[in-house]
C-alpha atoms as a PDB file:
ATOM      1  CA  MET A   1       0.390  -0.069   0.117  1.00  0.00           C
ATOM      2  CA  ASN A   2       2.715   2.578   0.631  1.00  0.00           C
ATOM      3  CA  VAL A   3       4.594   1.971  -2.670  1.00  0.00           C
ATOM      4  CA  HIS A   4       1.009   2.548  -4.249  1.00  0.00           C
ATOM      5  CA  ARG A   5       0.629   5.924  -2.842  1.00  0.00           C
ATOM      6  CA  LYS A   6       3.891   6.576  -3.041  1.00  0.00           C
ATOM      7  CA  LEU A   7       3.439   6.103  -7.229  1.00  0.00           C
ATOM      8  CA  ARG A   8       0.073   8.091  -7.417  1.00  0.00           C
ATOM      9  CA  ARG A   9       1.179  11.009  -5.139  1.00  0.00           C
ATOM     10  CA  PRO A  10       3.822  12.736  -8.079  1.00  0.00           C
ATOM     11  CA  PHE A  11       0.542  12.925 -10.518  1.00  0.00           C
ATOM     12  CA  LEU A  12      -1.439  14.997  -8.336  1.00  0.00           C
ATOM     13  CA  LEU A  13       0.780  18.195  -8.656  1.00  0.00           C
ATOM     14  CA  PRO A  14       0.392  18.441 -12.374  1.00  0.00           C
ATOM     15  CA  LEU A  15      -3.281  18.201 -11.845  1.00  0.00           C
ATOM     16  CA  PHE A  16      -3.797  20.523  -9.495  1.00  0.00           C
ATOM     17  CA  LEU A  17      -1.694  23.173 -11.887  1.00  0.00           C
ATOM     18  CA  TYR A  18      -3.776  22.199 -14.497  1.00  0.00           C
ATOM     19  CA  TYR A  19      -7.058  22.875 -13.196  1.00  0.00           C
ATOM     20  CA  SER A  20      -6.263  25.962 -11.236  1.00  0.00           C
ATOM     21  CA  PHE A  21      -5.052  28.150 -14.482  1.00  0.00           C
ATOM     22  CA  LEU A  22      -7.915  26.745 -16.035  1.00  0.00           C
ATOM     23  CA  PHE A  23     -10.449  28.031 -13.650  1.00  0.00           C
ATOM     24  CA  LEU A  24      -8.005  31.791 -13.247  1.00  0.00           C
ATOM     25  CA  SER A  25      -8.145  31.228 -16.876  1.00  0.00           C
ATOM     26  CA  VAL A  26     -12.326  31.849 -17.754  1.00  0.00           C
ATOM     27  CA  SER A  27     -13.178  33.338 -14.218  1.00  0.00           C
ATOM     28  CA  PRO A  28     -14.748  37.063 -15.195  1.00  0.00           C
ATOM     29  CA  ALA A  29     -13.022  40.238 -14.569  1.00  0.00           C
ATOM     30  CA  PRO A  30     -13.404  41.907 -10.758  1.00  0.00           C
ATOM     31  CA  LEU A  31     -15.780  44.881 -11.116  1.00  0.00           C
ATOM     32  CA  TRP A  32     -13.495  47.338 -11.308  1.00  0.00           C
ATOM     33  CA  ALA A  33     -12.353  46.188 -14.697  1.00  0.00           C
ATOM     34  CA  GLU A  34     -15.744  45.589 -15.455  1.00  0.00           C
ATOM     35  CA  ASP A  35     -17.311  48.961 -14.591  1.00  0.00           C
ATOM     36  CA  PRO A  36     -14.806  51.524 -12.861  1.00  0.00           C
ATOM     37  CA  GLY A  37     -17.992  54.113 -12.775  1.00  0.00           C
ATOM     38  CA  ALA A  38     -19.740  51.769  -9.861  1.00  0.00           C
ATOM     39  CA  TYR A  39     -16.278  51.073  -8.001  1.00  0.00           C
ATOM     40  CA  MET A  40     -15.317  54.417  -7.757  1.00  0.00           C
ATOM     41  CA  ARG A  41     -19.513  55.295  -6.907  1.00  0.00           C
ATOM     42  CA  GLY A  42     -19.005  52.919  -3.996  1.00  0.00           C
ATOM     43  CA  TYR A  43     -15.438  53.663  -3.256  1.00  0.00           C
ATOM     44  CA  VAL A  44     -16.193  57.506  -2.361  1.00  0.00           C
ATOM     45  CA  GLN A  45     -19.529  56.533  -1.055  1.00  0.00           C
ATOM     46  CA  ALA A  46     -17.889  54.290   1.418  1.00  0.00           C
ATOM     47  CA  LEU A  47     -15.339  56.779   2.858  1.00  0.00           C
ATOM     48  CA  LEU A  48     -17.774  59.507   3.006  1.00  0.00           C
ATOM     49  CA  ASP A  49     -20.085  57.312   5.018  1.00  0.00           C
ATOM     50  CA  SER A  50     -17.079  56.583   7.378  1.00  0.00           C
ATOM     51  CA  ARG A  51     -15.911  59.527   7.877  1.00  0.00           C
ATOM     52  CA  PHE A  52     -18.710  62.212   7.897  1.00  0.00           C
ATOM     53  CA  PRO A  53     -21.629  60.152   8.467  1.00  0.00           C
ATOM     54  CA  GLY A  54     -23.861  62.501  10.138  1.00  0.00           C
ATOM     55  CA  LEU A  55     -23.664  64.845   6.647  1.00  0.00           C
ATOM     56  CA  GLY A  56     -25.955  63.410   4.800  1.00  0.00           C
ATOM     57  CA  LEU A  57     -23.496  63.296   1.765  1.00  0.00           C
ATOM     58  CA  TYR A  58     -24.121  61.363  -1.603  1.00  0.00           C
ATOM     59  CA  VAL A  59     -22.169  60.516  -4.865  1.00  0.00           C
ATOM     60  CA  LYS A  60     -24.267  62.388  -7.429  1.00  0.00           C
ATOM     61  CA  THR A  61     -22.351  62.022 -10.178  1.00  0.00           C
ATOM     62  CA  VAL A  62     -18.807  60.152 -11.188  1.00  0.00           C
ATOM     63  CA  GLU A  63     -16.405  60.070 -14.491  1.00  0.00           C
ATOM     64  CA  PRO A  64     -13.770  57.574 -13.693  1.00  0.00           C
ATOM     65  CA  ALA A  65     -11.662  58.780 -16.719  1.00  0.00           C
ATOM     66  CA  ASN A  66     -11.489  62.553 -15.067  1.00  0.00           C
ATOM     67  CA  GLN A  67     -11.645  61.203 -11.801  1.00  0.00           C
ATOM     68  CA  HIS A  68     -14.606  63.467 -11.325  1.00  0.00           C
ATOM     69  CA  VAL A  69     -17.093  63.094  -8.589  1.00  0.00           C
ATOM     70  CA  LYS A  70     -20.422  65.746  -7.999  1.00  0.00           C
ATOM     71  CA  LEU A  71     -21.821  65.079  -4.493  1.00  0.00           C
ATOM     72  CA  SER A  72     -24.733  66.310  -3.145  1.00  0.00           C
ATOM     73  CA  SER A  73     -26.024  66.717   0.606  1.00  0.00           C
ATOM     74  CA  ARG A  74     -28.709  66.733   2.699  1.00  0.00           C
ATOM     75  CA  THR A  75     -27.914  70.185   4.567  1.00  0.00           C
ATOM     76  CA  CYS A  76     -25.938  73.208   3.431  1.00  0.00           C
ATOM     77  CA  LEU A  77     -22.273  72.700   3.875  1.00  0.00           C
ATOM     78  CA  GLY A  78     -19.904  75.881   5.191  1.00  0.00           C
ATOM     79  CA  PRO A  79     -16.687  76.282   3.438  1.00  0.00           C
ATOM     80  CA  SER A  80     -14.982  74.674   6.422  1.00  0.00           C
ATOM     81  CA  GLN A  81     -16.513  71.804   5.526  1.00  0.00           C
ATOM     82  CA  LYS A  82     -16.072  71.453   2.305  1.00  0.00           C
ATOM     83  CA  ARG A  83     -12.732  71.761   2.574  1.00  0.00           C
ATOM     84  CA  ASN A  84     -11.934  69.335   4.745  1.00  0.00           C
ATOM     85  CA  ILE A  85     -14.207  67.116   2.544  1.00  0.00           C
ATOM     86  CA  GLU A  86     -12.361  67.656  -0.629  1.00  0.00           C
ATOM     87  CA  HIS A  87      -9.115  67.232   1.028  1.00  0.00           C
ATOM     88  CA  LEU A  88      -9.973  63.445   1.594  1.00  0.00           C
ATOM     89  CA  LEU A  89     -10.788  62.610  -1.497  1.00  0.00           C
ATOM     90  CA  ILE A  90      -7.958  64.173  -3.468  1.00  0.00           C
ATOM     91  CA  GLN A  91      -5.728  62.154  -0.810  1.00  0.00           C
ATOM     92  CA  THR A  92      -6.785  58.855  -1.700  1.00  0.00           C
ATOM     93  CA  GLU A  93      -5.172  59.715  -5.361  1.00  0.00           C
ATOM     94  CA  HIS A  94      -8.654  58.118  -6.723  1.00  0.00           C
ATOM     95  CA  VAL A  95     -10.533  61.479  -7.485  1.00  0.00           C
ATOM     96  CA  LYS A  96      -8.955  64.790  -8.342  1.00  0.00           C
ATOM     97  CA  VAL A  97     -11.771  66.927  -8.813  1.00  0.00           C
ATOM     98  CA  VAL A  98     -14.493  67.234  -6.720  1.00  0.00           C
ATOM     99  CA  ALA A  99     -17.872  69.196  -7.788  1.00  0.00           C
ATOM    100  CA  TRP A 100     -20.885  70.221  -5.562  1.00  0.00           C
ATOM    101  CA  ASP A 101     -24.662  70.322  -5.816  1.00  0.00           C
ATOM    102  CA  ALA A 102     -26.783  73.149  -5.208  1.00  0.00           C
ATOM    103  CA  SER A 103     -28.369  71.345  -2.377  1.00  0.00           C
ATOM    104  CA  ALA A 104     -24.619  71.785  -0.349  1.00  0.00           C
ATOM    105  CA  ASN A 105     -25.004  75.503  -0.772  1.00  0.00           C
ATOM    106  CA  CYS A 106     -26.323  77.805   1.869  1.00  0.00           C
ATOM    107  CA  ASP A 107     -26.325  80.449  -0.165  1.00  0.00           C
ATOM    108  CA  LYS A 108     -28.479  79.729  -2.363  1.00  0.00           C
ATOM    109  CA  PRO A 109     -29.802  82.767  -5.111  1.00  0.00           C
ATOM    110  CA  GLU A 110     -33.491  83.030  -4.905  1.00  0.00           C
ATOM    111  CA  THR A 111     -34.804  82.227  -8.677  1.00  0.00           C
ATOM    112  CA  ALA A 112     -37.942  83.627 -10.208  1.00  0.00           C
ATOM    113  CA  PRO A 113     -40.272  80.621 -11.611  1.00  0.00           C
ATOM    114  CA  SER A 114     -40.225  79.286 -14.890  1.00  0.00           C
ATOM    115  CA  SER A 115     -43.927  79.035 -15.319  1.00  0.00           C
ATOM    116  CA  LYS A 116     -47.399  79.959 -13.633  1.00  0.00           C
ATOM    117  CA  THR A 117     -47.783  76.763 -12.430  1.00  0.00           C
ATOM    118  CA  THR A 118     -44.930  76.780 -10.281  1.00  0.00           C
ATOM    119  CA  GLU A 119     -45.881  79.746  -8.463  1.00  0.00           C
ATOM    120  CA  GLU A 120     -45.257  78.102  -5.156  1.00  0.00           C
ATOM    121  CA  SER A 121     -42.171  76.829  -4.393  1.00  0.00           C
ATOM    122  CA  VAL A 122     -41.881  73.097  -3.096  1.00  0.00           C
ATOM    123  CA  PRO A 123     -40.783  73.691   0.785  1.00  0.00           C
ATOM    124  CA  LEU A 124     -37.670  72.116   1.862  1.00  0.00           C
ATOM    125  CA  PRO A 125     -38.138  69.340   4.236  1.00  0.00           C
ATOM    126  CA  PHE A 126     -38.178  69.998   8.180  1.00  0.00           C
ATOM    127  CA  GLU A 127     -35.308  67.267   9.897  1.00  0.00           C
ATOM    128  CA  ILE A 128     -34.464  67.093  13.124  1.00  0.00           C
ATOM    129  CA  ARG A 129     -31.609  64.749  14.525  1.00  0.00           C
ATOM    130  CA  VAL A 130     -30.304  63.576  17.608  1.00  0.00           C
ATOM    131  CA  LEU A 131     -26.988  63.363  18.694  1.00  0.00           C
ATOM    132  CA  PRO A 132     -25.239  64.892  15.928  1.00  0.00           C
ATOM    133  CA  GLU A 133     -21.576  63.859  14.572  1.00  0.00           C
ATOM    134  CA  GLU A 134     -20.546  67.475  13.266  1.00  0.00           C
ATOM    135  CA  GLU A 135     -20.328  70.620  15.508  1.00  0.00           C
ATOM    136  CA  LEU A 136     -22.208  73.236  13.544  1.00  0.00           C
ATOM    137  CA  PHE A 137     -20.606  76.565  14.896  1.00  0.00           C
ATOM    138  CA  ALA A 138     -17.616  76.958  13.888  1.00  0.00           C
ATOM    139  CA  THR A 139     -14.760  76.998  16.443  1.00  0.00           C
ATOM    140  CA  LEU A 140     -12.850  80.105  17.597  1.00  0.00           C
ATOM    141  CA  LEU A 141      -9.488  79.041  17.401  1.00  0.00           C
ATOM    142  CA  ALA A 142      -7.901  82.214  19.288  1.00  0.00           C
ATOM    143  CA  ASP A 143     -10.272  82.333  21.824  1.00  0.00           C
ATOM    144  CA  PRO A 144      -8.725  80.988  25.510  1.00  0.00           C
ATOM    145  CA  ARG A 145     -12.145  80.075  26.655  1.00  0.00           C
ATOM    146  CA  GLN A 146     -12.898  77.877  24.177  1.00  0.00           C
ATOM    147  CA  PRO A 147     -13.599  73.834  25.322  1.00  0.00           C
ATOM    148  CA  ARG A 148     -10.460  72.039  23.800  1.00  0.00           C
ATOM    149  CA  PHE A 149      -7.650  70.185  25.292  1.00  0.00           C
ATOM    150  CA  SER A 150      -4.933  72.514  25.406  1.00  0.00           C
ATOM    151  CA  VAL A 151      -1.295  73.588  26.957  1.00  0.00           C
ATOM    152  CA  SER A 152       0.577  76.275  26.591  1.00  0.00           C
ATOM    153  CA  TYR A 153       3.271  79.027  28.100  1.00  0.00           C
ATOM    154  CA  GLN A 154       2.199  82.095  29.913  1.00  0.00           C
ATOM    155  CA  HIS A 155       4.816  85.188  31.392  1.00  0.00           C
ATOM    156  CA  TYR A 156       3.743  87.120  33.548  1.00  0.00           C
ATOM    157  CA  ALA A 157       5.317  90.629  35.296  1.00  0.00           C
ATOM    158  CA  SER A 158       4.230  93.046  37.485  1.00  0.00           C
ATOM    159  CA  ALA A 159       5.680  96.234  39.607  1.00  0.00           C
ATOM    160  CA  SER A 160       6.219  93.337  42.229  1.00  0.00           C
ATOM    161  CA  LYS A 161       6.232  90.053  41.018  1.00  0.00           C
ATOM    162  CA  GLU A 162       7.341  88.388  37.853  1.00  0.00           C
ATOM    163  CA  PHE A 163       6.628  84.196  36.808  1.00  0.00           C
ATOM    164  CA  ALA A 164       6.161  81.690  34.183  1.00  0.00           C
ATOM    165  CA  ALA A 165       2.757  80.072  34.541  1.00  0.00           C
ATOM    166  CA  ALA A 166       1.571  77.156  32.710  1.00  0.00           C
ATOM    167  CA  GLY A 167      -1.775  77.467  30.950  1.00  0.00           C
ATOM    168  CA  VAL A 168      -3.788  73.900  30.647  1.00  0.00           C
ATOM    169  CA  ALA A 169      -7.116  73.484  29.434  1.00  0.00           C
ATOM    170  CA  TYR A 170      -9.232  70.738  29.183  1.00  0.00           C
ATOM    171  CA  GLY A 171     -12.398  70.361  27.291  1.00  0.00           C
ATOM    172  CA  GLU A 172     -14.937  69.011  25.072  1.00  0.00           C
ATOM    173  CA  TYR A 173     -18.284  69.569  22.922  1.00  0.00           C
ATOM    174  CA  PHE A 174     -21.399  66.873  22.610  1.00  0.00           C
ATOM    175  CA  GLY A 175     -24.160  67.817  20.593  1.00  0.00           C
ATOM    176  CA  LEU A 176     -27.745  66.448  21.593  1.00  0.00           C
ATOM    177  CA  ALA A 177     -30.084  67.325  18.612  1.00  0.00           C
ATOM    178  CA  SER A 178     -29.417  69.227  15.087  1.00  0.00           C
ATOM    179  CA  GLY A 179     -32.182  70.416  12.958  1.00  0.00           C
ATOM    180  CA  PHE A 180     -32.290  71.249   9.406  1.00  0.00           C
ATOM    181  CA  PHE A 181     -34.849  74.236   8.709  1.00  0.00           C
ATOM    182  CA  GLY A 182     -34.319  74.531   4.885  1.00  0.00           C
ATOM    183  CA  GLU A 183     -33.712  77.807   3.701  1.00  0.00           C
ATOM    184  CA  ALA A 184     -34.091  79.086   7.389  1.00  0.00           C
ATOM    185  CA  GLY A 185     -30.790  77.521   8.168  1.00  0.00           C
ATOM    186  CA  SER A 186     -29.415  74.976  10.219  1.00  0.00           C
ATOM    187  CA  SER A 187     -29.551  74.961  14.256  1.00  0.00           C
ATOM    188  CA  GLN A 188     -28.222  72.675  17.085  1.00  0.00           C
ATOM    189  CA  VAL A 189     -27.856  72.624  21.040  1.00  0.00           C
ATOM    190  CA  GLY A 190     -25.342  70.471  23.030  1.00  0.00           C
ATOM    191  CA  ILE A 191     -23.203  70.643  25.982  1.00  0.00           C
ATOM    192  CA  GLN A 192     -20.264  72.142  26.769  1.00  0.00           C
ATOM    193  CA  GLY A 193     -17.826  71.127  29.652  1.00  0.00           C
ATOM    194  CA  ALA A 194     -14.294  72.623  30.816  1.00  0.00           C
ATOM    195  CA  ILE A 195     -11.655  73.250  32.685  1.00  0.00           C
ATOM    196  CA  PHE A 196      -9.188  75.952  32.856  1.00  0.00           C
ATOM    197  CA  ALA A 197      -6.209  75.878  34.968  1.00  0.00           C
ATOM    198  CA  LEU A 198      -3.156  77.882  35.494  1.00  0.00           C
ATOM    199  CA  PHE A 199      -0.027  76.795  37.232  1.00  0.00           C
ATOM    200  CA  ASN A 200       3.316  78.833  38.403  1.00  0.00           C
ATOM    201  CA  LEU A 201       5.998  77.455  37.402  1.00  0.00           C
ATOM    202  CA  ASP A 202       8.476  79.021  38.896  1.00  0.00           C
ATOM    203  CA  ALA A 203       7.601  77.927  42.561  1.00  0.00           C
ATOM    204  CA  PRO A 204       8.640  75.230  43.895  1.00  0.00           C
ATOM    205  CA  SER A 205       6.119  72.573  43.286  1.00  0.00           C
ATOM    206  CA  SER A 206       4.612  74.250  40.581  1.00  0.00           C
ATOM    207  CA  ASP A 207       1.274  75.606  42.328  1.00  0.00           C
ATOM    208  CA  LEU A 208      -2.140  75.848  41.683  1.00  0.00           C
ATOM    209  CA  VAL A 209      -2.799  79.821  41.185  1.00  0.00           C
ATOM    210  CA  ASN A 210      -6.680  79.350  39.698  1.00  0.00           C
ATOM    211  CA  ALA A 211      -8.719  76.609  37.982  1.00  0.00           C
ATOM    212  CA  ASP A 212     -12.427  77.400  36.493  1.00  0.00           C
ATOM    213  CA  TYR A 213     -14.715  75.073  36.007  1.00  0.00           C
ATOM    214  CA  TRP A 214     -17.712  75.802  33.950  1.00  0.00           C
ATOM    215  CA  ILE A 215     -20.354  73.776  32.267  1.00  0.00           C
ATOM    216  CA  GLY A 216     -22.675  75.514  29.837  1.00  0.00           C
ATOM    217  CA  LEU A 217     -25.562  74.657  27.193  1.00  0.00           C
ATOM    218  CA  PRO A 218     -24.906  76.538  23.669  1.00  0.00           C
ATOM    219  CA  ILE A 219     -27.642  76.836  21.393  1.00  0.00           C
ATOM    220  CA  SER A 220     -26.050  77.528  17.937  1.00  0.00           C
ATOM    221  CA  TYR A 221     -27.301  78.517  14.694  1.00  0.00           C
ATOM    222  CA  ARG A 222     -25.958  78.706  10.781  1.00  0.00           C
ATOM    223  CA  LYS A 223     -27.206  80.063   7.696  1.00  0.00           C
ATOM    224  CA  GLY A 224     -24.284  79.815   4.899  1.00  0.00           C
ATOM    225  CA  PRO A 225     -21.162  81.103   5.707  1.00  0.00           C
ATOM    226  CA  TRP A 226     -22.320  82.281   8.616  1.00  0.00           C
ATOM    227  CA  SER A 227     -22.414  80.920  12.303  1.00  0.00           C
ATOM    228  CA  TYR A 228     -23.606  81.763  15.738  1.00  0.00           C
ATOM    229  CA  LEU A 229     -23.462  80.863  18.986  1.00  0.00           C
ATOM    230  CA  LEU A 230     -25.935  81.296  22.169  1.00  0.00           C
ATOM    231  CA  ARG A 231     -24.532  80.103  25.514  1.00  0.00           C
ATOM    232  CA  LEU A 232     -25.578  79.429  28.706  1.00  0.00           C
ATOM    233  CA  TYR A 233     -23.034  78.463  31.258  1.00  0.00           C
ATOM    234  CA  HIS A 234     -22.117  78.202  34.970  1.00  0.00           C
ATOM    235  CA  GLN A 235     -18.711  78.667  36.068  1.00  0.00           C
ATOM    236  CA  SER A 236     -16.805  77.857  39.642  1.00  0.00           C
ATOM    237  CA  SER A 237     -13.523  79.460  40.208  1.00  0.00           C
ATOM    238  CA  HIS A 238     -11.126  78.022  42.965  1.00  0.00           C
ATOM    239  CA  LEU A 239      -7.986  79.981  43.699  1.00  0.00           C
ATOM    240  CA  GLY A 240      -4.746  78.452  44.936  1.00  0.00           C
ATOM    241  CA  ASP A 241      -4.857  74.764  45.896  1.00  0.00           C
END
C-alpha cells in the first residue's frame, strides 16, 4: 500500500496546477475592471459614510476617466466642511476634482419661477436629528476659553512680581440634537464642559494659581458661511491649591 501511494502522489501536483490555471483563465474580471464607475462610486460613498456620517453626503455623479465626482448633501455645508471633504477625497489619489450640487450650498440665490404652474415653490423638509456627529458652530481658534485640550506657556510680569506659568485646558463639546429648517438654516443644541487651570512654574511645587470649572448649554445657528452661538453656562472658580 505504501508503494502504491508513492506512485500516485506525483500525479496530483500537475493536475492541481492544470485545473488552477483553467479556473483562473475563465474566471470573470473583477468589478472595477468591468464597471469602473460603479467601483469609484462605491469607494467614495463608503469613505464619506465612514468619515462624515452626520452630513448626509451622497455621490451624485462620477467620471472615472477624469476622476471627477459630484456630491450632494442632505443639508447645506460651510466652506470649512467642504474643504475637509475635498481634501480627504483628493488625498486618496482616486479623485482629482470635487464638484458640489446646489443642495450643499447654504447661500443659494433665489430664482423666479419659470412658469405660472410653479407659483409656489416646494418647501424643503424639516429634519431633526439626535446626537449629531459634527459641530455646527465654527470653533474660535484664538479664544482662550474655547472648550478643548491644550497646554500653553505664559509669562506674567508686574511691578512687584514676575513668574512663568502654564495654562492648561480640558474641555469638549457634545451635540444633543440638530435641526435643518430648509432655507431658514440649521440649528443645534449641545452641552459643553471644561476646566481651565493656571500653574506657577517658578514655585517649588508648581503651585496651582487658579482653576475655573464650568459647564454650558450652547445653542448654535448656521446659515450660509455664517454661524452664531448663544451659550448659557455656570462657572466655579477656585484660587490656589
